[in-house]
Amino acid sequence: MDPNELADEMQRQYDRCKLFPETKEGGWIAMIELRNLAPKAIDLLRKLGRH
């Protein structure tokens, strides 16, 4: 996944959590999506840190 795509998708899911925290769609579904994206973000940050 492209770094910009990853950042955009994480931002979208984070915004869903902030805007609709009390709803199923904005609450736990968005959190699951963020949890699924986190390993990709961690790998990317580690690669960037090694350069």
Protein backbone atom coordinates (compact mmCIF):
# COMPACT_ATOMS: atom_id res chain seq x y z
CA MET A 1 0.00 0.00 0.00
CA ASP A 2 1.27 3.44 -0.94
CA PRO A 3 2.16 5.57 2.13
CA ASN A 4 -0.24 8.32 1.07
CA GLU A 5 -3.07 5.83 0.53
CA LEU A 6 -2.41 4.32 3.95
CA ALA A 7 -2.42 7.74 5.60
CA ASP A 8 -5.62 8.74 3.79
CA GLU A 9 -7.42 5.55 4.78
CA MET A 10 -6.30 5.82 8.40
CA GLN A 11 -7.48 9.44 8.46
CA ARG A 12 -10.90 8.43 7.06
CA GLN A 13 -11.36 5.76 9.71
CA TYR A 14 -10.15 8.07 12.48
CA ASP A 15 -12.58 10.77 11.33
CA ARG A 16 -15.42 8.22 11.41
CA CYS A 17 -14.55 7.45 15.02
CA LYS A 18 -14.56 11.14 15.95
CA LEU A 19 -17.73 12.07 14.07
CA PHE A 20 -19.90 9.08 14.95
CA PRO A 21 -18.50 7.52 18.14
CA GLU A 22 -21.88 6.31 19.39
CA THR A 23 -22.84 4.47 16.19
CA LYS A 24 -21.93 0.97 15.15
CA GLU A 25 -20.53 2.22 11.83
CA GLY A 26 -18.41 4.98 13.36
CA GLY A 27 -17.52 3.25 16.57
CA TRP A 28 -16.36 -0.32 16.59
CA ILE A 29 -16.34 -0.91 12.81
CA ALA A 30 -14.00 2.05 12.28
CA MET A 31 -11.83 0.82 15.15
CA ILE A 32 -11.57 -2.61 13.54
CA GLU A 33 -10.53 -0.96 10.26
CA LEU A 34 -7.86 1.07 12.08
CA ARG A 35 -6.64 -2.05 13.84
CA ASN A 36 -6.30 -3.79 10.47
CA LEU A 37 -4.32 -0.85 9.03
CA ALA A 38 -2.01 -0.48 12.03
CA PRO A 39 0.46 -3.29 11.08
CA LYS A 40 0.96 -1.71 7.64
CA ALA A 41 1.59 1.68 9.24
CA ILE A 42 4.02 0.18 11.76
CA ASP A 43 5.99 -1.60 9.00
CA LEU A 44 6.14 1.59 6.95
CA LEU A 45 7.36 3.66 9.90
CA ARG A 46 10.05 1.08 10.71
CA LYS A 47 11.26 1.10 7.10
CA LEU A 48 11.39 4.90 7.09
CA GLY A 49 13.27 4.88 10.40
CA ARG A 50 16.00 2.59 9.03
CA HIS A 51 16.92 4.95 6.20
